[in-house]
Amino acid sequence: MQKISRRARVLTGAVAVAALSTGALGAVSANAVSASTGAPAAKPAAATADAGDKNLTRSTHLTVAAATKAAQATLDAAKKENQRVSVAVVDRNGNTIVTLRGDGAGPQAYESAEKKAYTAVSWNAPTSELAKRLEQAPNLKDIPGTLFLAGGAPVTAKGAPVAGIGVAGAPSGDLDEKFAEAGVAALNR
C-alpha cells in the first residue's frame, strides 16, 4: 500500500475542516432568529418567472421516441441498399438525442454522423448544399464540431430547424444524405 505524503494529508485535513466549518455555519444561519423579536429570521423569497414573462422563450424539440423512429428509419433505408452506416439525431442546440451504429459500420462513422447532424441543424440546410458554400467561404470548415460533407439533413417544424439527422459510412455522401432524408420523411408519417 502506498503512503500518502505529508502535503496530501495536510491538504486533505484542511479541506475536511473547511467542509465542517461550512456545514456548521449553514446550520447556525438556518436557525437564526431576529434579535429584536426573537422570531425566526425571514427567509428570502425565491426568484420566480412564469410563462408570461417576456424574458422567456420557447423552443420545439423532438421527443426521444421521434428521434429513435427517425434513426431507425434511416438505418432501415441503408440496410435495404446493403449499406453499413451510423446515424445520429441531434436537437436544435446540437445535443445528441440518439445515435445508432448499424451492424458493420466503420468506427469513424459514429463521430462523422454526429458532426453532419450538427452542421445540418446549425445552418438549417442539407450538408451537401453547405459543402458547396466552402468554395466561397473556405473558413466555414474551421467551425468546431462541423463537417461539411454530404450526409446531413435538417428537421424543421413551422419552417424553423428543430433537429438534424446525420449519416456516415456509405461509399458516398449522396447515399448518406439519401438515408438521412428517409429519416426526416419518417417523421412526417
C-alpha atoms as a PDB file:
ATOM      1  CA  MET A   1       0.000   0.000   0.000  1.00  0.00           C
ATOM      2  CA  GLN A   2       1.307   3.430  -0.913  1.00  0.00           C
ATOM      3  CA  LYS A   3       1.817   6.036   1.831  1.00  0.00           C
ATOM      4  CA  ILE A   4       0.176   9.399   1.441  1.00  0.00           C
ATOM      5  CA  SER A   5       2.593  12.312   1.519  1.00  0.00           C
ATOM      6  CA  ARG A   6       2.559  14.804   4.371  1.00  0.00           C
ATOM      7  CA  ARG A   7       1.449  17.541   1.985  1.00  0.00           C
ATOM      8  CA  ALA A   8      -1.512  15.455   0.777  1.00  0.00           C
ATOM      9  CA  ARG A   9      -2.535  14.702   4.394  1.00  0.00           C
ATOM     10  CA  VAL A  10      -2.371  18.411   5.318  1.00  0.00           C
ATOM     11  CA  LEU A  11      -4.427  19.412   2.274  1.00  0.00           C
ATOM     12  CA  THR A  12      -6.984  16.692   2.953  1.00  0.00           C
ATOM     13  CA  GLY A  13      -7.273  17.834   6.561  1.00  0.00           C
ATOM     14  CA  ALA A  14      -7.715  21.453   5.511  1.00  0.00           C
ATOM     15  CA  VAL A  15     -10.487  20.500   3.098  1.00  0.00           C
ATOM     16  CA  ALA A  16     -12.250  18.490   5.813  1.00  0.00           C
ATOM     17  CA  VAL A  17     -12.047  21.386   8.287  1.00  0.00           C
ATOM     18  CA  ALA A  18     -13.400  23.786   5.670  1.00  0.00           C
ATOM     19  CA  ALA A  19     -16.292  21.456   4.887  1.00  0.00           C
ATOM     20  CA  LEU A  20     -17.194  21.057   8.550  1.00  0.00           C
ATOM     21  CA  SER A  21     -16.993  24.817   9.098  1.00  0.00           C
ATOM     22  CA  THR A  22     -19.252  25.486   6.134  1.00  0.00           C
ATOM     23  CA  GLY A  23     -21.783  22.956   7.434  1.00  0.00           C
ATOM     24  CA  ALA A  24     -21.731  24.472  10.909  1.00  0.00           C
ATOM     25  CA  LEU A  25     -22.144  27.992   9.532  1.00  0.00           C
ATOM     26  CA  GLY A  26     -25.083  26.797   7.422  1.00  0.00           C
ATOM     27  CA  ALA A  27     -26.740  25.202  10.454  1.00  0.00           C
ATOM     28  CA  VAL A  28     -26.303  28.379  12.510  1.00  0.00           C
ATOM     29  CA  SER A  29     -27.691  30.635   9.789  1.00  0.00           C
ATOM     30  CA  ALA A  30     -30.593  28.262   9.125  1.00  0.00           C
ATOM     31  CA  ASN A  31     -31.577  28.525  12.787  1.00  0.00           C
ATOM     32  CA  ALA A  32     -31.012  32.279  13.043  1.00  0.00           C
ATOM     33  CA  VAL A  33     -33.556  34.348  14.910  1.00  0.00           C
ATOM     34  CA  SER A  34     -34.312  38.014  14.752  1.00  0.00           C
ATOM     35  CA  ALA A  35     -32.522  39.863  17.555  1.00  0.00           C
ATOM     36  CA  SER A  36     -35.376  42.351  18.003  1.00  0.00           C
ATOM     37  CA  THR A  37     -38.370  39.979  18.058  1.00  0.00           C
ATOM     38  CA  GLY A  38     -36.920  36.600  18.950  1.00  0.00           C
ATOM     39  CA  ALA A  39     -38.852  35.124  15.997  1.00  0.00           C
ATOM     40  CA  PRO A  40     -37.163  33.076  13.305  1.00  0.00           C
ATOM     41  CA  ALA A  41     -35.498  35.269  10.676  1.00  0.00           C
ATOM     42  CA  ALA A  42     -37.451  35.599   7.432  1.00  0.00           C
ATOM     43  CA  LYS A  43     -36.129  33.586   4.516  1.00  0.00           C
ATOM     44  CA  PRO A  44     -35.525  35.498   1.297  1.00  0.00           C
ATOM     45  CA  ALA A  45     -38.221  34.960  -1.327  1.00  0.00           C
ATOM     46  CA  ALA A  46     -37.263  32.684  -4.201  1.00  0.00           C
ATOM     47  CA  ALA A  47     -36.990  34.317  -7.594  1.00  0.00           C
ATOM     48  CA  THR A  48     -39.763  33.171  -9.887  1.00  0.00           C
ATOM     49  CA  ALA A  49     -40.661  33.562 -13.512  1.00  0.00           C
ATOM     50  CA  ASP A  50     -43.846  32.430 -15.154  1.00  0.00           C
ATOM     51  CA  ALA A  51     -44.666  31.584 -18.743  1.00  0.00           C
ATOM     52  CA  GLY A  52     -45.984  35.089 -19.313  1.00  0.00           C
ATOM     53  CA  ASP A  53     -42.620  36.617 -18.551  1.00  0.00           C
ATOM     54  CA  LYS A  54     -41.303  38.497 -21.581  1.00  0.00           C
ATOM     55  CA  ASN A  55     -37.782  37.304 -20.757  1.00  0.00           C
ATOM     56  CA  LEU A  56     -38.574  33.691 -21.661  1.00  0.00           C
ATOM     57  CA  THR A  57     -38.707  31.935 -24.984  1.00  0.00           C
ATOM     58  CA  ARG A  58     -39.979  28.528 -26.040  1.00  0.00           C
ATOM     59  CA  SER A  59     -38.409  26.122 -28.430  1.00  0.00           C
ATOM     60  CA  THR A  60     -39.577  22.938 -30.058  1.00  0.00           C
ATOM     61  CA  HIS A  61     -37.598  19.720 -29.691  1.00  0.00           C
ATOM     62  CA  LEU A  62     -38.052  16.192 -30.975  1.00  0.00           C
ATOM     63  CA  THR A  63     -39.040  13.619 -28.410  1.00  0.00           C
ATOM     64  CA  VAL A  64     -36.713  10.694 -27.822  1.00  0.00           C
ATOM     65  CA  ALA A  65     -39.373   8.456 -29.398  1.00  0.00           C
ATOM     66  CA  ALA A  66     -39.487  10.598 -32.563  1.00  0.00           C
ATOM     67  CA  ALA A  67     -35.686  10.774 -32.791  1.00  0.00           C
ATOM     68  CA  THR A  68     -35.451   6.997 -32.383  1.00  0.00           C
ATOM     69  CA  LYS A  69     -38.123   6.479 -35.049  1.00  0.00           C
ATOM     70  CA  ALA A  70     -36.192   8.694 -37.474  1.00  0.00           C
ATOM     71  CA  ALA A  71     -32.876   6.990 -36.693  1.00  0.00           C
ATOM     72  CA  GLN A  72     -34.351   3.519 -37.170  1.00  0.00           C
ATOM     73  CA  ALA A  73     -35.977   4.542 -40.473  1.00  0.00           C
ATOM     74  CA  THR A  74     -32.583   5.828 -41.587  1.00  0.00           C
ATOM     75  CA  LEU A  75     -30.870   2.540 -40.740  1.00  0.00           C
ATOM     76  CA  ASP A  76     -33.656   0.580 -42.435  1.00  0.00           C
ATOM     77  CA  ALA A  77     -33.237   2.610 -45.652  1.00  0.00           C
ATOM     78  CA  ALA A  78     -29.485   1.951 -45.606  1.00  0.00           C
ATOM     79  CA  LYS A  79     -29.980  -1.745 -44.899  1.00  0.00           C
ATOM     80  CA  LYS A  80     -32.288  -2.076 -47.943  1.00  0.00           C
ATOM     81  CA  GLU A  81     -29.318  -0.988 -50.051  1.00  0.00           C
ATOM     82  CA  ASN A  82     -26.832  -3.184 -48.153  1.00  0.00           C
ATOM     83  CA  GLN A  83     -25.039  -0.177 -46.659  1.00  0.00           C
ATOM     84  CA  ARG A  84     -23.444  -0.192 -43.220  1.00  0.00           C
ATOM     85  CA  VAL A  85     -23.883   3.227 -41.659  1.00  0.00           C
ATOM     86  CA  SER A  86     -24.197   5.049 -38.376  1.00  0.00           C
ATOM     87  CA  VAL A  87     -26.894   7.641 -37.771  1.00  0.00           C
ATOM     88  CA  ALA A  88     -27.127  10.469 -35.256  1.00  0.00           C
ATOM     89  CA  VAL A  89     -30.053  12.703 -34.408  1.00  0.00           C
ATOM     90  CA  VAL A  90     -29.300  15.974 -32.615  1.00  0.00           C
ATOM     91  CA  ASP A  91     -31.669  18.569 -31.180  1.00  0.00           C
ATOM     92  CA  ARG A  92     -31.880  22.254 -32.112  1.00  0.00           C
ATOM     93  CA  ASN A  93     -28.970  23.024 -29.809  1.00  0.00           C
ATOM     94  CA  GLY A  94     -26.770  20.341 -31.362  1.00  0.00           C
ATOM     95  CA  ASN A  95     -27.081  17.967 -28.410  1.00  0.00           C
ATOM     96  CA  THR A  96     -27.231  14.327 -29.375  1.00  0.00           C
ATOM     97  CA  ILE A  97     -30.641  12.752 -28.786  1.00  0.00           C
ATOM     98  CA  VAL A  98     -29.904   9.308 -30.218  1.00  0.00           C
ATOM     99  CA  THR A  99     -27.223   7.518 -32.197  1.00  0.00           C
ATOM    100  CA  LEU A 100     -27.431   4.118 -33.789  1.00  0.00           C
ATOM    101  CA  ARG A 101     -24.476   2.270 -35.203  1.00  0.00           C
ATOM    102  CA  GLY A 102     -25.552  -0.112 -37.910  1.00  0.00           C
ATOM    103  CA  ASP A 103     -24.096  -3.605 -37.960  1.00  0.00           C
ATOM    104  CA  GLY A 104     -20.683  -3.460 -39.588  1.00  0.00           C
ATOM    105  CA  ALA A 105     -20.449   0.356 -39.714  1.00  0.00           C
ATOM    106  CA  GLY A 106     -16.907   1.690 -39.536  1.00  0.00           C
ATOM    107  CA  PRO A 107     -15.547   3.256 -36.352  1.00  0.00           C
ATOM    108  CA  GLN A 108     -15.268   6.711 -37.948  1.00  0.00           C
ATOM    109  CA  ALA A 109     -18.931   6.743 -38.949  1.00  0.00           C
ATOM    110  CA  TYR A 110     -20.278   7.437 -35.453  1.00  0.00           C
ATOM    111  CA  GLU A 111     -18.481  10.768 -34.963  1.00  0.00           C
ATOM    112  CA  SER A 112     -18.960  11.827 -38.574  1.00  0.00           C
ATOM    113  CA  ALA A 113     -22.720  11.233 -38.326  1.00  0.00           C
ATOM    114  CA  GLU A 114     -22.957  13.447 -35.229  1.00  0.00           C
ATOM    115  CA  LYS A 115     -20.988  16.245 -36.889  1.00  0.00           C
ATOM    116  CA  LYS A 116     -23.102  16.088 -40.045  1.00  0.00           C
ATOM    117  CA  ALA A 117     -26.305  16.252 -37.975  1.00  0.00           C
ATOM    118  CA  TYR A 118     -24.947  19.221 -36.004  1.00  0.00           C
ATOM    119  CA  THR A 119     -23.942  21.011 -39.204  1.00  0.00           C
ATOM    120  CA  ALA A 120     -27.355  20.442 -40.825  1.00  0.00           C
ATOM    121  CA  VAL A 121     -29.334  21.807 -37.882  1.00  0.00           C
ATOM    122  CA  SER A 122     -26.936  24.707 -37.330  1.00  0.00           C
ATOM    123  CA  TRP A 123     -27.476  26.083 -40.834  1.00  0.00           C
ATOM    124  CA  ASN A 124     -30.927  24.561 -41.466  1.00  0.00           C
ATOM    125  CA  ALA A 125     -29.718  23.095 -44.733  1.00  0.00           C
ATOM    126  CA  PRO A 126     -28.622  19.738 -46.126  1.00  0.00           C
ATOM    127  CA  THR A 127     -24.877  19.350 -45.706  1.00  0.00           C
ATOM    128  CA  SER A 128     -24.447  18.699 -49.445  1.00  0.00           C
ATOM    129  CA  GLU A 129     -25.582  22.303 -50.053  1.00  0.00           C
ATOM    130  CA  LEU A 130     -23.326  23.570 -47.290  1.00  0.00           C
ATOM    131  CA  ALA A 131     -20.327  21.757 -48.770  1.00  0.00           C
ATOM    132  CA  LYS A 132     -20.800  23.832 -51.933  1.00  0.00           C
ATOM    133  CA  ARG A 133     -20.581  27.028 -49.866  1.00  0.00           C
ATOM    134  CA  LEU A 134     -16.992  26.172 -48.942  1.00  0.00           C
ATOM    135  CA  GLU A 135     -15.915  27.416 -52.370  1.00  0.00           C
ATOM    136  CA  GLN A 136     -16.949  30.966 -51.403  1.00  0.00           C
ATOM    137  CA  ALA A 137     -16.164  30.699 -47.672  1.00  0.00           C
ATOM    138  CA  PRO A 138     -13.463  28.067 -47.048  1.00  0.00           C
ATOM    139  CA  ASN A 139     -13.133  29.078 -43.387  1.00  0.00           C
ATOM    140  CA  LEU A 140     -16.560  27.578 -42.631  1.00  0.00           C
ATOM    141  CA  LYS A 141     -14.858  24.204 -42.228  1.00  0.00           C
ATOM    142  CA  ASP A 142     -12.904  25.613 -39.275  1.00  0.00           C
ATOM    143  CA  ILE A 143     -16.008  25.970 -37.092  1.00  0.00           C
ATOM    144  CA  PRO A 144     -15.704  23.411 -34.264  1.00  0.00           C
ATOM    145  CA  GLY A 145     -17.993  20.390 -34.389  1.00  0.00           C
ATOM    146  CA  THR A 146     -18.981  20.804 -38.031  1.00  0.00           C
ATOM    147  CA  LEU A 147     -18.433  18.557 -41.024  1.00  0.00           C
ATOM    148  CA  PHE A 148     -19.175  19.907 -44.475  1.00  0.00           C
ATOM    149  CA  LEU A 149     -19.734  16.637 -46.304  1.00  0.00           C
ATOM    150  CA  ALA A 150     -22.998  15.353 -47.748  1.00  0.00           C
ATOM    151  CA  GLY A 151     -24.993  13.198 -45.341  1.00  0.00           C
ATOM    152  CA  GLY A 152     -26.790  15.597 -43.003  1.00  0.00           C
ATOM    153  CA  ALA A 153     -30.398  16.739 -43.229  1.00  0.00           C
ATOM    154  CA  PRO A 154     -32.265  19.284 -41.096  1.00  0.00           C
ATOM    155  CA  VAL A 155     -35.617  18.562 -39.478  1.00  0.00           C
ATOM    156  CA  THR A 156     -37.933  21.572 -39.375  1.00  0.00           C
ATOM    157  CA  ALA A 157     -41.184  22.483 -37.688  1.00  0.00           C
ATOM    158  CA  LYS A 158     -43.083  25.518 -38.985  1.00  0.00           C
ATOM    159  CA  GLY A 159     -40.025  26.467 -41.037  1.00  0.00           C
ATOM    160  CA  ALA A 160     -37.618  26.510 -38.079  1.00  0.00           C
ATOM    161  CA  PRO A 161     -34.908  23.899 -37.504  1.00  0.00           C
ATOM    162  CA  VAL A 162     -35.642  21.586 -34.574  1.00  0.00           C
ATOM    163  CA  ALA A 163     -33.197  18.744 -35.209  1.00  0.00           C
ATOM    164  CA  GLY A 164     -30.616  17.349 -37.561  1.00  0.00           C
ATOM    165  CA  ILE A 165     -30.054  13.824 -38.845  1.00  0.00           C
ATOM    166  CA  GLY A 166     -26.563  12.819 -39.866  1.00  0.00           C
ATOM    167  CA  VAL A 167     -25.453   9.637 -41.599  1.00  0.00           C
ATOM    168  CA  ALA A 168     -21.972   8.349 -42.315  1.00  0.00           C
ATOM    169  CA  GLY A 169     -20.485   5.145 -43.610  1.00  0.00           C
ATOM    170  CA  ALA A 170     -21.920   4.679 -47.107  1.00  0.00           C
ATOM    171  CA  PRO A 171     -19.484   4.845 -50.035  1.00  0.00           C
ATOM    172  CA  SER A 172     -20.735   8.332 -50.968  1.00  0.00           C
ATOM    173  CA  GLY A 173     -22.152  11.345 -49.213  1.00  0.00           C
ATOM    174  CA  ASP A 174     -25.074  11.314 -51.623  1.00  0.00           C
ATOM    175  CA  LEU A 175     -26.139   7.920 -50.262  1.00  0.00           C
ATOM    176  CA  ASP A 176     -25.621   9.085 -46.679  1.00  0.00           C
ATOM    177  CA  GLU A 177     -27.862  12.077 -47.340  1.00  0.00           C
ATOM    178  CA  LYS A 178     -30.474   9.952 -49.092  1.00  0.00           C
ATOM    179  CA  PHE A 179     -30.713   7.804 -45.954  1.00  0.00           C
ATOM    180  CA  ALA A 180     -30.879  10.889 -43.702  1.00  0.00           C
ATOM    181  CA  GLU A 181     -33.783  12.194 -45.792  1.00  0.00           C
ATOM    182  CA  ALA A 182     -35.546   8.861 -45.261  1.00  0.00           C
ATOM    183  CA  GLY A 183     -35.307   9.521 -41.533  1.00  0.00           C
ATOM    184  CA  VAL A 184     -36.790  13.003 -41.966  1.00  0.00           C
ATOM    185  CA  ALA A 185     -39.596  11.563 -44.098  1.00  0.00           C
ATOM    186  CA  ALA A 186     -40.410   9.002 -41.377  1.00  0.00           C
ATOM    187  CA  LEU A 187     -41.282  11.864 -39.028  1.00  0.00           C
ATOM    188  CA  ASN A 188     -43.997  13.007 -41.422  1.00  0.00           C
ATOM    189  CA  ARG A 189     -45.821   9.654 -41.361  1.00  0.00           C
END
